[in-house]
Amino acid sequence: PRAHNMVWYLGRAGACVDRAGGPGKYHSASTSRPLLCRRSCDVDAFCVGYSVYAPLVGGQVECKTYKAQAPEDAIAGATPSSGTTCYEKIYSPPPSPPPPRFLLPAGWLLLPPPEPPPEPPPSPPSPPPPSS
């Protein structure tokens, strides 16, 4: 696949949490193949991530695919939850080491301040006052 089409996931231990602090909007399904869970998110443009709950016995996993129609539905992090891993979809390879991300309470990314405007050119010197 071409590089710009690569879909990566940032894994976090726990259940996904959206920017509003809630569980997010997701579709839940049971499957014996967690890879299908990831594939269904890969091909869905609205999918922002998925989570897998893998109990120790039985072989079936619970797969939740998260869809975001609004910015606040985006995955913001994970809350501790036994046996669950949250995967946030990102479109570029994870940098190493990852830069710190500053998330404000509303979920906005903190951007650096804009460049200062260039200094105005110096004004021409004023002519000397006429001598009387």
C-alpha atoms as a PDB file:
ATOM      1  CA  PRO A   1       0.000   0.000   0.000  1.00  0.00           C
ATOM      2  CA  ARG A   2       1.081   3.577  -0.626  1.00  0.00           C
ATOM      3  CA  ALA A   3       2.476   5.388   2.370  1.00  0.00           C
ATOM      4  CA  HIS A   4      -0.247   8.015   2.650  1.00  0.00           C
ATOM      5  CA  ASN A   5      -2.907   5.303   2.838  1.00  0.00           C
ATOM      6  CA  MET A   6      -1.325   3.571   5.804  1.00  0.00           C
ATOM      7  CA  VAL A   7      -3.628   3.353   8.793  1.00  0.00           C
ATOM      8  CA  TRP A   8      -1.976   3.016  12.181  1.00  0.00           C
ATOM      9  CA  TYR A   9      -3.508   2.606  15.614  1.00  0.00           C
ATOM     10  CA  LEU A  10      -2.317   3.995  18.898  1.00  0.00           C
ATOM     11  CA  GLY A  11      -3.037   1.352  21.523  1.00  0.00           C
ATOM     12  CA  ARG A  12      -3.913   2.210  25.110  1.00  0.00           C
ATOM     13  CA  ALA A  13      -4.768  -0.175  27.904  1.00  0.00           C
ATOM     14  CA  GLY A  14      -8.386   0.267  28.944  1.00  0.00           C
ATOM     15  CA  ALA A  15     -11.715   1.261  27.434  1.00  0.00           C
ATOM     16  CA  CYS A  16     -11.931   4.138  24.953  1.00  0.00           C
ATOM     17  CA  VAL A  17     -13.126   7.531  26.206  1.00  0.00           C
ATOM     18  CA  ASP A  18     -14.308  10.310  23.896  1.00  0.00           C
ATOM     19  CA  ARG A  19     -13.481  14.003  24.205  1.00  0.00           C
ATOM     20  CA  ALA A  20     -16.637  14.613  26.201  1.00  0.00           C
ATOM     21  CA  GLY A  21     -15.423  12.052  28.757  1.00  0.00           C
ATOM     22  CA  GLY A  22     -18.067   9.479  27.812  1.00  0.00           C
ATOM     23  CA  PRO A  23     -17.843   5.979  26.360  1.00  0.00           C
ATOM     24  CA  GLY A  24     -18.157   7.216  22.777  1.00  0.00           C
ATOM     25  CA  LYS A  25     -20.481   6.122  19.976  1.00  0.00           C
ATOM     26  CA  TYR A  26     -19.700   2.562  19.018  1.00  0.00           C
ATOM     27  CA  HIS A  27     -21.035  -0.568  17.404  1.00  0.00           C
ATOM     28  CA  SER A  28     -20.432  -3.695  19.452  1.00  0.00           C
ATOM     29  CA  ALA A  29     -19.994  -7.175  18.004  1.00  0.00           C
ATOM     30  CA  SER A  30     -18.667 -10.513  19.156  1.00  0.00           C
ATOM     31  CA  THR A  31     -16.037 -12.218  17.031  1.00  0.00           C
ATOM     32  CA  SER A  32     -13.402 -14.894  17.287  1.00  0.00           C
ATOM     33  CA  ARG A  33     -11.021 -12.887  15.082  1.00  0.00           C
ATOM     34  CA  PRO A  34      -9.915  -9.514  16.499  1.00  0.00           C
ATOM     35  CA  LEU A  35      -8.235  -8.729  13.159  1.00  0.00           C
ATOM     36  CA  LEU A  36     -11.682  -8.418  11.550  1.00  0.00           C
ATOM     37  CA  CYS A  37     -12.436  -5.713  14.091  1.00  0.00           C
ATOM     38  CA  ARG A  38      -9.442  -3.703  12.927  1.00  0.00           C
ATOM     39  CA  ARG A  39     -10.221  -4.320   9.245  1.00  0.00           C
ATOM     40  CA  SER A  40     -13.760  -3.013   9.622  1.00  0.00           C
ATOM     41  CA  CYS A  41     -12.323   0.186  11.087  1.00  0.00           C
ATOM     42  CA  ASP A  42      -9.609   0.430   8.401  1.00  0.00           C
ATOM     43  CA  VAL A  43     -12.156   0.698   5.603  1.00  0.00           C
ATOM     44  CA  ASP A  44     -14.667   2.958   7.380  1.00  0.00           C
ATOM     45  CA  ALA A  45     -13.881   6.651   6.943  1.00  0.00           C
ATOM     46  CA  PHE A  46     -16.035   7.537   9.960  1.00  0.00           C
ATOM     47  CA  CYS A  47     -14.329   5.005  12.210  1.00  0.00           C
ATOM     48  CA  VAL A  48     -12.002   6.715  14.707  1.00  0.00           C
ATOM     49  CA  GLY A  49     -10.833   3.573  16.488  1.00  0.00           C
ATOM     50  CA  TYR A  50     -11.821   0.295  18.003  1.00  0.00           C
ATOM     51  CA  SER A  51     -11.494  -1.569  21.255  1.00  0.00           C
ATOM     52  CA  VAL A  52     -11.107  -5.256  21.974  1.00  0.00           C
ATOM     53  CA  TYR A  53     -12.227  -6.924  25.163  1.00  0.00           C
ATOM     54  CA  ALA A  54     -10.539 -10.304  25.419  1.00  0.00           C
ATOM     55  CA  PRO A  55     -11.756 -12.530  28.241  1.00  0.00           C
ATOM     56  CA  LEU A  56      -9.378 -15.239  29.311  1.00  0.00           C
ATOM     57  CA  VAL A  57     -11.630 -18.137  28.352  1.00  0.00           C
ATOM     58  CA  GLY A  58     -13.928 -18.986  25.462  1.00  0.00           C
ATOM     59  CA  GLY A  59     -11.923 -17.513  22.592  1.00  0.00           C
ATOM     60  CA  GLN A  60     -14.562 -14.938  21.619  1.00  0.00           C
ATOM     61  CA  VAL A  61     -13.662 -11.269  21.929  1.00  0.00           C
ATOM     62  CA  GLU A  62     -15.970  -8.276  22.142  1.00  0.00           C
ATOM     63  CA  CYS A  63     -15.133  -5.793  19.416  1.00  0.00           C
ATOM     64  CA  LYS A  64     -16.349  -2.191  19.553  1.00  0.00           C
ATOM     65  CA  THR A  65     -15.853   0.054  16.533  1.00  0.00           C
ATOM     66  CA  TYR A  66     -16.116   3.759  17.297  1.00  0.00           C
ATOM     67  CA  LYS A  67     -17.588   6.258  14.844  1.00  0.00           C
ATOM     68  CA  ALA A  68     -17.272  10.016  15.141  1.00  0.00           C
ATOM     69  CA  GLN A  69     -19.745  12.252  13.370  1.00  0.00           C
ATOM     70  CA  ALA A  70     -18.745  15.208  15.567  1.00  0.00           C
ATOM     71  CA  PRO A  71     -15.337  16.312  16.920  1.00  0.00           C
ATOM     72  CA  GLU A  72     -16.321  15.551  20.507  1.00  0.00           C
ATOM     73  CA  ASP A  73     -16.914  11.915  19.505  1.00  0.00           C
ATOM     74  CA  ALA A  74     -13.216  11.487  18.749  1.00  0.00           C
ATOM     75  CA  ILE A  75     -11.237   9.180  21.008  1.00  0.00           C
ATOM     76  CA  ALA A  76      -9.350  11.215  23.587  1.00  0.00           C
ATOM     77  CA  GLY A  77      -7.873   8.476  25.741  1.00  0.00           C
ATOM     78  CA  ALA A  78      -8.667   5.383  27.719  1.00  0.00           C
ATOM     79  CA  THR A  79     -10.039   4.633  31.139  1.00  0.00           C
ATOM     80  CA  PRO A  80      -8.759   1.608  33.084  1.00  0.00           C
ATOM     81  CA  SER A  81     -10.809  -1.468  32.225  1.00  0.00           C
ATOM     82  CA  SER A  82      -9.657  -5.017  32.804  1.00  0.00           C
ATOM     83  CA  GLY A  83      -8.986  -6.991  29.643  1.00  0.00           C
ATOM     84  CA  THR A  84      -9.822  -4.143  27.262  1.00  0.00           C
ATOM     85  CA  THR A  85      -7.477  -2.352  24.870  1.00  0.00           C
ATOM     86  CA  CYS A  86      -8.454   0.839  23.031  1.00  0.00           C
ATOM     87  CA  TYR A  87      -6.946   1.562  19.620  1.00  0.00           C
ATOM     88  CA  GLU A  88      -7.133   5.114  18.293  1.00  0.00           C
ATOM     89  CA  LYS A  89      -6.861   5.435  14.503  1.00  0.00           C
ATOM     90  CA  ILE A  90      -4.060   7.687  13.291  1.00  0.00           C
ATOM     91  CA  TYR A  91      -3.094   8.232   9.678  1.00  0.00           C
ATOM     92  CA  SER A  92       0.675   8.430   9.947  1.00  0.00           C
ATOM     93  CA  PRO A  93       3.215   6.127  11.532  1.00  0.00           C
ATOM     94  CA  PRO A  94       3.662   6.754  15.247  1.00  0.00           C
ATOM     95  CA  PRO A  95       6.730   8.960  15.755  1.00  0.00           C
ATOM     96  CA  SER A  96       9.449   7.681  18.027  1.00  0.00           C
ATOM     97  CA  PRO A  97       9.604   8.939  20.649  1.00  0.00           C
ATOM     98  CA  PRO A  98       6.079  10.380  20.574  1.00  0.00           C
ATOM     99  CA  PRO A  99       5.910  14.128  21.226  1.00  0.00           C
ATOM    100  CA  PRO A 100       3.857  15.167  24.236  1.00  0.00           C
ATOM    101  CA  ARG A 101       0.285  16.066  23.360  1.00  0.00           C
ATOM    102  CA  PHE A 102      -1.260  18.847  25.358  1.00  0.00           C
ATOM    103  CA  LEU A 103      -5.008  18.359  25.491  1.00  0.00           C
ATOM    104  CA  LEU A 104      -7.040  21.110  27.062  1.00  0.00           C
ATOM    105  CA  PRO A 105     -10.272  20.147  28.874  1.00  0.00           C
ATOM    106  CA  ALA A 106     -12.380  20.940  25.810  1.00  0.00           C
ATOM    107  CA  GLY A 107     -10.195  18.622  23.726  1.00  0.00           C
ATOM    108  CA  TRP A 108      -8.417  21.295  21.709  1.00  0.00           C
ATOM    109  CA  LEU A 109      -4.798  20.742  20.835  1.00  0.00           C
ATOM    110  CA  LEU A 110      -2.498  23.410  22.196  1.00  0.00           C
ATOM    111  CA  LEU A 111      -0.783  25.123  19.278  1.00  0.00           C
ATOM    112  CA  PRO A 112       2.341  27.264  19.494  1.00  0.00           C
ATOM    113  CA  PRO A 113       1.724  31.049  19.413  1.00  0.00           C
ATOM    114  CA  PRO A 114       1.655  32.602  15.936  1.00  0.00           C
ATOM    115  CA  GLU A 115       4.779  34.202  14.551  1.00  0.00           C
ATOM    116  CA  PRO A 116       5.150  37.855  15.610  1.00  0.00           C
ATOM    117  CA  PRO A 117       4.496  40.336  12.766  1.00  0.00           C
ATOM    118  CA  PRO A 118       7.608  41.799  11.129  1.00  0.00           C
ATOM    119  CA  GLU A 119       8.884  45.073  12.524  1.00  0.00           C
ATOM    120  CA  PRO A 120       7.576  48.139  10.620  1.00  0.00           C
ATOM    121  CA  PRO A 121      10.283  49.907   8.570  1.00  0.00           C
ATOM    122  CA  PRO A 122      11.814  52.905  10.343  1.00  0.00           C
ATOM    123  CA  SER A 123      10.160  56.196   9.424  1.00  0.00           C
ATOM    124  CA  PRO A 124      12.319  58.618   7.440  1.00  0.00           C
ATOM    125  CA  PRO A 125      14.001  61.295   9.578  1.00  0.00           C
ATOM    126  CA  SER A 126      11.953  64.456   9.845  1.00  0.00           C
ATOM    127  CA  PRO A 127      13.443  67.539   8.120  1.00  0.00           C
ATOM    128  CA  PRO A 128      15.075  70.065  10.479  1.00  0.00           C
ATOM    129  CA  PRO A 129      12.809  72.928  11.522  1.00  0.00           C
ATOM    130  CA  PRO A 130      13.252  76.000   9.303  1.00  0.00           C
ATOM    131  CA  SER A 131      15.590  78.526  10.841  1.00  0.00           C
ATOM    132  CA  SER A 132      14.077  81.980  11.182  1.00  0.00           C
END
